Amino acid sequence: MIDTHTHLYAEEFDEDRKEAIQRALDKGITRFYLPAIDSESHEKMLHLEADYPDHIFSMMGLHPCYVKPETWEKELEMVKNYLDQRAFPAIGEIGIDLYWDQSTLDIQVKAFEQQIDWAIEKDLPIVIHTRESFNETFEVLERKKHPKLRGIFHCFSGNLEQAKHAIDLNFILGIGGVVTFKNGKIDQFLNEIPLENIVLETDSPYLAPVPYRGKRNESSYLDLIAGKLVNIYKTDFSEIDRMTTENAKKIFNKR
């Protein structure tokens, strides 16, 4: 299996990072994709990738919550420098977040659009963070529509209409712990979305699936998310594993 979105470099893993990674490897989770946040975490993320070159792959990008008036342009310069220096499997996580701060919407949109332009230029997928901002996110994607524009709607928690809209725009859905929540709602319609449009993620250390909800999440819990999809799609675990792994390899160009 592949965890398409995990913050293994986060401080929540400072006490047992190697053990947490080994627990996931022992469960057959062999690839971990790390989304970038901002320049303060780049070094830690890239060092972790270097420690596990066969298993861990870093993305590059500026998270919308870290698009700040005084630093966002400089942060984007650093992202661009990295993208020009070496290969990355994706640009992410990028997007729009109106849950934490609505006052920065204009520069969030500018940062999002700039990173989309780089993704198209370099033929890379993007990994989108969208929180309370589906309409704004879709507006940007419609404006930037391009044959090379593709990627993942990370931690998808929208409705069926929004899911179909994302897929129509050449994106697939990142499904994580929310699918196991009683109030998560996506489990009510997910079986209407073909499995070829889905990848698995944990977003660890956040959004731990039931029965660990409220506690620190980790990549080894990916099997609990896959297990929920077994029930939703009325298929066996090996099929969920096979399809979501194949989808992830395709979106990340088999890196």
C-alpha atoms as a PDB file:
ATOM      1  CA  MET A   1       0.000   0.000   0.000  1.00  0.00           C
ATOM      2  CA  ILE A   2       0.987   3.613  -0.470  1.00  0.00           C
ATOM      3  CA  ASP A   3       0.362   6.447   1.985  1.00  0.00           C
ATOM      4  CA  THR A   4       0.010   9.338  -0.438  1.00  0.00           C
ATOM      5  CA  HIS A   5       0.009  12.025   2.263  1.00  0.00           C
ATOM      6  CA  THR A   6       1.848  11.810   5.578  1.00  0.00           C
ATOM      7  CA  HIS A   7       3.801  14.355   7.623  1.00  0.00           C
ATOM      8  CA  LEU A   8       6.319  11.887   9.058  1.00  0.00           C
ATOM      9  CA  TYR A   9       8.794  14.713   9.619  1.00  0.00           C
ATOM     10  CA  ALA A  10       6.399  16.473  12.049  1.00  0.00           C
ATOM     11  CA  GLU A  11       7.514  17.015  15.637  1.00  0.00           C
ATOM     12  CA  GLU A  12       4.802  14.631  16.836  1.00  0.00           C
ATOM     13  CA  PHE A  13       7.076  11.809  15.617  1.00  0.00           C
ATOM     14  CA  ASP A  14      10.301  13.087  17.181  1.00  0.00           C
ATOM     15  CA  GLU A  15      10.219  10.463  19.946  1.00  0.00           C
ATOM     16  CA  ASP A  16       9.502   7.383  17.815  1.00  0.00           C
ATOM     17  CA  ARG A  17       9.816   8.243  14.114  1.00  0.00           C
ATOM     18  CA  LYS A  18      11.848   5.156  13.153  1.00  0.00           C
ATOM     19  CA  GLU A  19       9.488   2.883  15.056  1.00  0.00           C
ATOM     20  CA  ALA A  20       6.405   4.481  13.461  1.00  0.00           C
ATOM     21  CA  ILE A  21       7.872   4.017   9.990  1.00  0.00           C
ATOM     22  CA  GLN A  22       8.818   0.420  10.769  1.00  0.00           C
ATOM     23  CA  ARG A  23       5.294  -0.339  12.001  1.00  0.00           C
ATOM     24  CA  ALA A  24       3.970   0.812   8.645  1.00  0.00           C
ATOM     25  CA  LEU A  25       6.581  -1.120   6.672  1.00  0.00           C
ATOM     26  CA  ASP A  26       5.707  -4.241   8.664  1.00  0.00           C
ATOM     27  CA  LYS A  27       2.093  -3.859   7.487  1.00  0.00           C
ATOM     28  CA  GLY A  28       3.125  -3.713   3.845  1.00  0.00           C
ATOM     29  CA  ILE A  29       2.950   0.057   3.433  1.00  0.00           C
ATOM     30  CA  THR A  30       6.040   0.560   1.308  1.00  0.00           C
ATOM     31  CA  ARG A  31       5.811   4.124  -0.007  1.00  0.00           C
ATOM     32  CA  PHE A  32       5.203   7.364   1.830  1.00  0.00           C
ATOM     33  CA  TYR A  33       4.713  10.724   0.136  1.00  0.00           C
ATOM     34  CA  LEU A  34       5.540  13.764   2.260  1.00  0.00           C
ATOM     35  CA  PRO A  35       3.798  17.075   1.511  1.00  0.00           C
ATOM     36  CA  ALA A  36       5.831  20.242   2.005  1.00  0.00           C
ATOM     37  CA  ILE A  37       4.533  22.973   4.322  1.00  0.00           C
ATOM     38  CA  ASP A  38       6.998  25.866   4.314  1.00  0.00           C
ATOM     39  CA  SER A  39      10.738  26.553   4.482  1.00  0.00           C
ATOM     40  CA  GLU A  40      10.970  25.790   8.208  1.00  0.00           C
ATOM     41  CA  SER A  41      10.214  22.125   7.556  1.00  0.00           C
ATOM     42  CA  HIS A  42      12.038  21.583   4.240  1.00  0.00           C
ATOM     43  CA  GLU A  43      15.340  20.462   5.747  1.00  0.00           C
ATOM     44  CA  LYS A  44      13.745  18.003   8.138  1.00  0.00           C
ATOM     45  CA  MET A  45      11.540  16.574   5.386  1.00  0.00           C
ATOM     46  CA  LEU A  46      14.388  16.166   2.898  1.00  0.00           C
ATOM     47  CA  HIS A  47      16.690  14.576   5.486  1.00  0.00           C
ATOM     48  CA  LEU A  48      14.012  11.992   6.236  1.00  0.00           C
ATOM     49  CA  GLU A  49      13.681  11.257   2.542  1.00  0.00           C
ATOM     50  CA  ALA A  50      17.453  10.763   2.341  1.00  0.00           C
ATOM     51  CA  ASP A  51      17.305   8.289   5.227  1.00  0.00           C
ATOM     52  CA  TYR A  52      14.692   6.153   3.418  1.00  0.00           C
ATOM     53  CA  PRO A  53      15.385   6.672  -0.303  1.00  0.00           C
ATOM     54  CA  ASP A  54      13.469   3.541  -1.359  1.00  0.00           C
ATOM     55  CA  HIS A  55      10.365   4.353   0.642  1.00  0.00           C
ATOM     56  CA  ILE A  56       9.981   8.088   1.305  1.00  0.00           C
ATOM     57  CA  PHE A  57       9.397  10.757  -1.349  1.00  0.00           C
ATOM     58  CA  SER A  58       9.156  14.490  -0.693  1.00  0.00           C
ATOM     59  CA  MET A  59       6.865  16.882  -2.507  1.00  0.00           C
ATOM     60  CA  MET A  60       7.599  20.596  -2.754  1.00  0.00           C
ATOM     61  CA  GLY A  61       5.206  23.501  -2.297  1.00  0.00           C
ATOM     62  CA  LEU A  62       3.810  26.168   0.016  1.00  0.00           C
ATOM     63  CA  HIS A  63       0.822  25.214   2.186  1.00  0.00           C
ATOM     64  CA  PRO A  64      -1.992  27.798   2.039  1.00  0.00           C
ATOM     65  CA  CYS A  65      -2.007  28.273   5.824  1.00  0.00           C
ATOM     66  CA  TYR A  66       1.591  29.485   5.543  1.00  0.00           C
ATOM     67  CA  VAL A  67       0.899  32.046   2.835  1.00  0.00           C
ATOM     68  CA  LYS A  68       1.591  35.145   4.925  1.00  0.00           C
ATOM     69  CA  PRO A  69       1.667  38.760   3.668  1.00  0.00           C
ATOM     70  CA  GLU A  70       5.223  39.352   4.845  1.00  0.00           C
ATOM     71  CA  THR A  71       6.827  36.094   3.637  1.00  0.00           C
ATOM     72  CA  TRP A  72       4.817  34.378   0.887  1.00  0.00           C
ATOM     73  CA  GLU A  73       6.775  35.712  -2.071  1.00  0.00           C
ATOM     74  CA  LYS A  74      10.109  34.752  -0.524  1.00  0.00           C
ATOM     75  CA  GLU A  75       8.698  31.328   0.378  1.00  0.00           C
ATOM     76  CA  LEU A  76       7.626  30.802  -3.229  1.00  0.00           C
ATOM     77  CA  GLU A  77      11.107  31.727  -4.425  1.00  0.00           C
ATOM     78  CA  MET A  78      12.511  28.940  -2.261  1.00  0.00           C
ATOM     79  CA  VAL A  79       9.956  26.488  -3.632  1.00  0.00           C
ATOM     80  CA  LYS A  80      10.917  27.429  -7.184  1.00  0.00           C
ATOM     81  CA  ASN A  81      14.627  27.032  -6.411  1.00  0.00           C
ATOM     82  CA  TYR A  82      14.024  23.502  -5.145  1.00  0.00           C
ATOM     83  CA  LEU A  83      11.880  22.626  -8.151  1.00  0.00           C
ATOM     84  CA  ASP A  84      14.664  23.805 -10.468  1.00  0.00           C
ATOM     85  CA  GLN A  85      17.376  21.923  -8.548  1.00  0.00           C
ATOM     86  CA  ARG A  86      15.967  18.392  -8.410  1.00  0.00           C
ATOM     87  CA  ALA A  87      13.045  16.141  -9.285  1.00  0.00           C
ATOM     88  CA  PHE A  88       9.958  15.901  -7.094  1.00  0.00           C
ATOM     89  CA  PRO A  89       6.960  13.583  -7.590  1.00  0.00           C
ATOM     90  CA  ALA A  90       4.439  16.412  -7.064  1.00  0.00           C
ATOM     91  CA  ILE A  91       3.889  20.011  -6.048  1.00  0.00           C
ATOM     92  CA  GLY A  92       2.033  20.091  -2.760  1.00  0.00           C
ATOM     93  CA  GLU A  93       0.402  20.618  -0.568  1.00  0.00           C
ATOM     94  CA  ILE A  94      -1.016  23.753  -2.102  1.00  0.00           C
ATOM     95  CA  GLY A  95      -4.450  25.290  -2.349  1.00  0.00           C
ATOM     96  CA  ILE A  96      -6.839  27.480  -0.351  1.00  0.00           C
ATOM     97  CA  ASP A  97      -7.791  27.325   3.334  1.00  0.00           C
ATOM     98  CA  LEU A  98     -10.530  29.659   4.567  1.00  0.00           C
ATOM     99  CA  TYR A  99     -11.049  27.891   7.886  1.00  0.00           C
ATOM    100  CA  TRP A 100      -8.086  29.486   9.645  1.00  0.00           C
ATOM    101  CA  ASP A 101      -7.737  32.826   7.869  1.00  0.00           C
ATOM    102  CA  GLN A 102     -10.048  34.428   5.302  1.00  0.00           C
ATOM    103  CA  SER A 103      -8.096  37.681   5.215  1.00  0.00           C
ATOM    104  CA  THR A 104      -5.316  36.171   3.078  1.00  0.00           C
ATOM    105  CA  LEU A 105      -7.576  34.796   0.331  1.00  0.00           C
ATOM    106  CA  ASP A 106      -6.138  37.058  -2.361  1.00  0.00           C
ATOM    107  CA  ILE A 107      -2.530  36.019  -1.779  1.00  0.00           C
ATOM    108  CA  GLN A 108      -3.534  32.387  -1.216  1.00  0.00           C
ATOM    109  CA  VAL A 109      -5.050  32.442  -4.708  1.00  0.00           C
ATOM    110  CA  LYS A 110      -1.925  34.059  -6.170  1.00  0.00           C
ATOM    111  CA  ALA A 111       0.357  31.478  -4.520  1.00  0.00           C
ATOM    112  CA  PHE A 112      -1.921  28.659  -5.658  1.00  0.00           C
ATOM    113  CA  GLU A 113      -1.990  29.895  -9.248  1.00  0.00           C
ATOM    114  CA  GLN A 114       1.777  30.393  -9.368  1.00  0.00           C
ATOM    115  CA  GLN A 115       2.412  26.844  -8.160  1.00  0.00           C
ATOM    116  CA  ILE A 116      -0.110  25.475 -10.643  1.00  0.00           C
ATOM    117  CA  ASP A 117       1.810  27.255 -13.409  1.00  0.00           C
ATOM    118  CA  TRP A 118       5.034  25.565 -12.269  1.00  0.00           C
ATOM    119  CA  ALA A 119       3.292  22.183 -12.156  1.00  0.00           C
ATOM    120  CA  ILE A 120       2.085  22.598 -15.738  1.00  0.00           C
ATOM    121  CA  GLU A 121       5.502  23.819 -16.848  1.00  0.00           C
ATOM    122  CA  LYS A 122       7.241  20.829 -15.231  1.00  0.00           C
ATOM    123  CA  ASP A 123       4.452  18.333 -15.995  1.00  0.00           C
ATOM    124  CA  LEU A 124       3.917  17.465 -12.327  1.00  0.00           C
ATOM    125  CA  PRO A 125       0.725  16.588 -10.442  1.00  0.00           C
ATOM    126  CA  ILE A 126      -0.425  18.879  -7.650  1.00  0.00           C
ATOM    127  CA  VAL A 127      -1.760  17.883  -4.247  1.00  0.00           C
ATOM    128  CA  ILE A 128      -4.538  20.228  -3.185  1.00  0.00           C
ATOM    129  CA  HIS A 129      -5.449  21.331   0.320  1.00  0.00           C
ATOM    130  CA  THR A 130      -8.964  22.740   0.371  1.00  0.00           C
ATOM    131  CA  ARG A 131     -10.768  23.609   3.576  1.00  0.00           C
ATOM    132  CA  GLU A 132     -14.037  25.536   3.498  1.00  0.00           C
ATOM    133  CA  SER A 133     -12.952  26.669   0.040  1.00  0.00           C
ATOM    134  CA  PHE A 134     -14.286  24.270  -2.585  1.00  0.00           C
ATOM    135  CA  ASN A 135     -15.900  27.044  -4.637  1.00  0.00           C
ATOM    136  CA  GLU A 136     -12.756  29.188  -4.607  1.00  0.00           C
ATOM    137  CA  THR A 137     -10.557  26.185  -5.395  1.00  0.00           C
ATOM    138  CA  PHE A 138     -12.726  25.124  -8.333  1.00  0.00           C
ATOM    139  CA  GLU A 139     -12.709  28.686  -9.678  1.00  0.00           C
ATOM    140  CA  VAL A 140      -8.903  28.625  -9.795  1.00  0.00           C
ATOM    141  CA  LEU A 141      -8.795  25.170 -11.391  1.00  0.00           C
ATOM    142  CA  GLU A 142     -11.332  26.153 -14.042  1.00  0.00           C
ATOM    143  CA  ARG A 143      -9.334  29.285 -14.794  1.00  0.00           C
ATOM    144  CA  LYS A 144      -6.087  27.313 -15.031  1.00  0.00           C
ATOM    145  CA  LYS A 145      -7.522  24.363 -16.961  1.00  0.00           C
ATOM    146  CA  HIS A 146      -4.806  22.595 -18.939  1.00  0.00           C
ATOM    147  CA  PRO A 147      -4.242  19.048 -20.283  1.00  0.00           C
ATOM    148  CA  LYS A 148      -1.282  18.651 -17.893  1.00  0.00           C
ATOM    149  CA  LEU A 149      -3.149  19.903 -14.819  1.00  0.00           C
ATOM    150  CA  ARG A 150      -3.896  16.896 -12.630  1.00  0.00           C
ATOM    151  CA  GLY A 151      -3.406  15.616  -9.105  1.00  0.00           C
ATOM    152  CA  ILE A 152      -5.065  14.741  -5.817  1.00  0.00           C
ATOM    153  CA  PHE A 153      -7.714  16.460  -3.736  1.00  0.00           C
ATOM    154  CA  HIS A 154      -6.028  15.665  -0.438  1.00  0.00           C
ATOM    155  CA  CYS A 155      -8.219  14.665   2.516  1.00  0.00           C
ATOM    156  CA  PHE A 156     -11.369  14.908   0.419  1.00  0.00           C
ATOM    157  CA  SER A 157     -14.352  15.758   2.618  1.00  0.00           C
ATOM    158  CA  GLY A 158     -16.765  17.291   0.159  1.00  0.00           C
ATOM    159  CA  ASN A 159     -20.077  16.034  -1.210  1.00  0.00           C
ATOM    160  CA  LEU A 160     -20.836  13.838  -4.213  1.00  0.00           C
ATOM    161  CA  GLU A 161     -21.269  16.775  -6.582  1.00  0.00           C
ATOM    162  CA  GLN A 162     -17.892  18.197  -5.527  1.00  0.00           C
ATOM    163  CA  ALA A 163     -16.276  14.788  -5.892  1.00  0.00           C
ATOM    164  CA  LYS A 164     -17.564  14.467  -9.454  1.00  0.00           C
ATOM    165  CA  HIS A 165     -16.454  18.016 -10.246  1.00  0.00           C
ATOM    166  CA  ALA A 166     -12.922  17.245  -9.014  1.00  0.00           C
ATOM    167  CA  ILE A 167     -12.793  14.083 -11.130  1.00  0.00           C
ATOM    168  CA  ASP A 168     -14.074  15.973 -14.189  1.00  0.00           C
ATOM    169  CA  LEU A 169     -11.117  18.335 -13.727  1.00  0.00           C
ATOM    170  CA  ASN A 170      -8.693  15.375 -13.947  1.00  0.00           C
ATOM    171  CA  PHE A 171      -8.174  14.941 -10.202  1.00  0.00           C
ATOM    172  CA  ILE A 172      -8.521  11.943  -7.940  1.00  0.00           C
ATOM    173  CA  LEU A 173      -9.633  11.866  -4.318  1.00  0.00           C
ATOM    174  CA  GLY A 174      -7.327  11.314  -1.348  1.00  0.00           C
ATOM    175  CA  ILE A 175      -9.316   9.304   1.195  1.00  0.00           C
ATOM    176  CA  GLY A 176      -8.173   9.268   4.809  1.00  0.00           C
ATOM    177  CA  GLY A 177      -9.434   8.866   8.353  1.00  0.00           C
ATOM    178  CA  VAL A 178     -12.512  11.036   7.775  1.00  0.00           C
ATOM    179  CA  VAL A 179     -14.126   8.121   5.923  1.00  0.00           C
ATOM    180  CA  THR A 180     -14.258   6.224   9.235  1.00  0.00           C
ATOM    181  CA  PHE A 181     -15.948   9.047  11.174  1.00  0.00           C
ATOM    182  CA  LYS A 182     -19.662   8.783  11.967  1.00  0.00           C
ATOM    183  CA  ASN A 183     -20.121  12.403  10.922  1.00  0.00           C
ATOM    184  CA  GLY A 184     -17.656  12.213   8.011  1.00  0.00           C
ATOM    185  CA  LYS A 185     -20.498  11.782   5.478  1.00  0.00           C
ATOM    186  CA  ILE A 186     -18.300  10.761   2.546  1.00  0.00           C
ATOM    187  CA  ASP A 187     -18.912   7.082   3.355  1.00  0.00           C
ATOM    188  CA  GLN A 188     -22.547   7.668   2.359  1.00  0.00           C
ATOM    189  CA  PHE A 189     -21.751   8.261  -1.324  1.00  0.00           C
ATOM    190  CA  LEU A 190     -18.193   7.071  -1.911  1.00  0.00           C
ATOM    191  CA  ASN A 191     -19.364   3.819  -3.516  1.00  0.00           C
ATOM    192  CA  GLU A 192     -20.718   5.969  -6.368  1.00  0.00           C
ATOM    193  CA  ILE A 193     -17.138   7.018  -7.151  1.00  0.00           C
ATOM    194  CA  PRO A 194     -15.189   4.382  -9.132  1.00  0.00           C
ATOM    195  CA  LEU A 195     -12.179   2.977  -7.292  1.00  0.00           C
ATOM    196  CA  GLU A 196      -9.860   4.143 -10.061  1.00  0.00           C
ATOM    197  CA  ASN A 197     -10.487   7.692  -8.809  1.00  0.00           C
ATOM    198  CA  ILE A 198      -9.258   7.061  -5.252  1.00  0.00           C
ATOM    199  CA  VAL A 199      -5.942   6.910  -3.387  1.00  0.00           C
ATOM    200  CA  LEU A 200      -5.309   6.255   0.288  1.00  0.00           C
ATOM    201  CA  GLU A 201      -3.717   8.658   2.751  1.00  0.00           C
ATOM    202  CA  THR A 202      -3.379   9.151   6.487  1.00  0.00           C
ATOM    203  CA  ASP A 203      -2.402  12.840   6.783  1.00  0.00           C
ATOM    204  CA  SER A 204      -0.599  11.657   9.905  1.00  0.00           C
ATOM    205  CA  PRO A 205      -0.155  12.856  12.599  1.00  0.00           C
ATOM    206  CA  TYR A 206      -3.615  14.360  12.002  1.00  0.00           C
ATOM    207  CA  LEU A 207      -7.096  12.871  11.499  1.00  0.00           C
ATOM    208  CA  ALA A 208      -6.512   9.407  12.945  1.00  0.00           C
ATOM    209  CA  PRO A 209      -9.162   6.887  11.859  1.00  0.00           C
ATOM    210  CA  VAL A 210     -11.550   5.179  14.249  1.00  0.00           C
ATOM    211  CA  PRO A 211     -10.750   3.647  16.762  1.00  0.00           C
ATOM    212  CA  TYR A 212      -7.833   6.064  17.240  1.00  0.00           C
ATOM    213  CA  ARG A 213      -9.776   9.244  16.488  1.00  0.00           C
ATOM    214  CA  GLY A 214      -8.474  12.130  18.584  1.00  0.00           C
ATOM    215  CA  LYS A 215      -5.068  10.522  19.044  1.00  0.00           C
ATOM    216  CA  ARG A 216      -1.902  10.849  16.996  1.00  0.00           C
ATOM    217  CA  ASN A 217      -2.280   9.316  13.568  1.00  0.00           C
ATOM    218  CA  GLU A 218       0.447   7.297  11.868  1.00  0.00           C
ATOM    219  CA  SER A 219       0.964   5.620   8.506  1.00  0.00           C
ATOM    220  CA  SER A 220       0.483   2.120   9.926  1.00  0.00           C
ATOM    221  CA  TYR A 221      -3.219   2.982  10.342  1.00  0.00           C
ATOM    222  CA  LEU A 222      -3.648   3.069   6.566  1.00  0.00           C
ATOM    223  CA  ASP A 223      -5.033  -0.462   6.730  1.00  0.00           C
ATOM    224  CA  LEU A 224      -7.964   0.815   8.817  1.00  0.00           C
ATOM    225  CA  ILE A 225      -8.877   3.260   6.058  1.00  0.00           C
ATOM    226  CA  ALA A 226      -8.537   0.520   3.446  1.00  0.00           C
ATOM    227  CA  GLY A 227     -10.675  -1.720   5.650  1.00  0.00           C
ATOM    228  CA  LYS A 228     -13.462   0.857   5.658  1.00  0.00           C
ATOM    229  CA  LEU A 229     -13.336   0.943   1.848  1.00  0.00           C
ATOM    230  CA  VAL A 230     -13.728  -2.848   1.838  1.00  0.00           C
ATOM    231  CA  ASN A 231     -17.127  -2.334   3.488  1.00  0.00           C
ATOM    232  CA  ILE A 232     -18.096   0.622   1.302  1.00  0.00           C
ATOM    233  CA  TYR A 233     -17.210  -1.036  -2.003  1.00  0.00           C
ATOM    234  CA  LYS A 234     -18.226  -4.573  -0.986  1.00  0.00           C
ATOM    235  CA  THR A 235     -14.951  -6.005  -2.233  1.00  0.00           C
ATOM    236  CA  ASP A 236     -11.927  -7.638  -0.645  1.00  0.00           C
ATOM    237  CA  PHE A 237      -8.913  -5.987   0.934  1.00  0.00           C
ATOM    238  CA  SER A 238      -6.516  -7.126  -1.779  1.00  0.00           C
ATOM    239  CA  GLU A 239      -8.591  -5.324  -4.429  1.00  0.00           C
ATOM    240  CA  ILE A 240      -8.593  -2.069  -2.458  1.00  0.00           C
ATOM    241  CA  ASP A 241      -4.843  -2.457  -1.982  1.00  0.00           C
ATOM    242  CA  ARG A 242      -4.216  -3.218  -5.664  1.00  0.00           C
ATOM    243  CA  MET A 243      -6.377  -0.448  -7.107  1.00  0.00           C
ATOM    244  CA  THR A 244      -5.324   2.370  -4.778  1.00  0.00           C
ATOM    245  CA  THR A 245      -1.653   1.428  -5.126  1.00  0.00           C
ATOM    246  CA  GLU A 246      -1.949   1.385  -8.912  1.00  0.00           C
ATOM    247  CA  ASN A 247      -3.693   4.772  -8.829  1.00  0.00           C
ATOM    248  CA  ALA A 248      -0.990   6.290  -6.627  1.00  0.00           C
ATOM    249  CA  LYS A 249       1.823   5.012  -8.830  1.00  0.00           C
ATOM    250  CA  LYS A 250       0.091   6.437 -11.863  1.00  0.00           C
ATOM    251  CA  ILE A 251      -0.439   9.891 -10.390  1.00  0.00           C
ATOM    252  CA  PHE A 252       3.139  10.092  -9.099  1.00  0.00           C
ATOM    253  CA  ASN A 253       4.606   8.754 -12.359  1.00  0.00           C
ATOM    254  CA  LYS A 254       5.748   5.565 -10.603  1.00  0.00           C
ATOM    255  CA  ARG A 255       8.421   7.306  -8.588  1.00  0.00           C
END
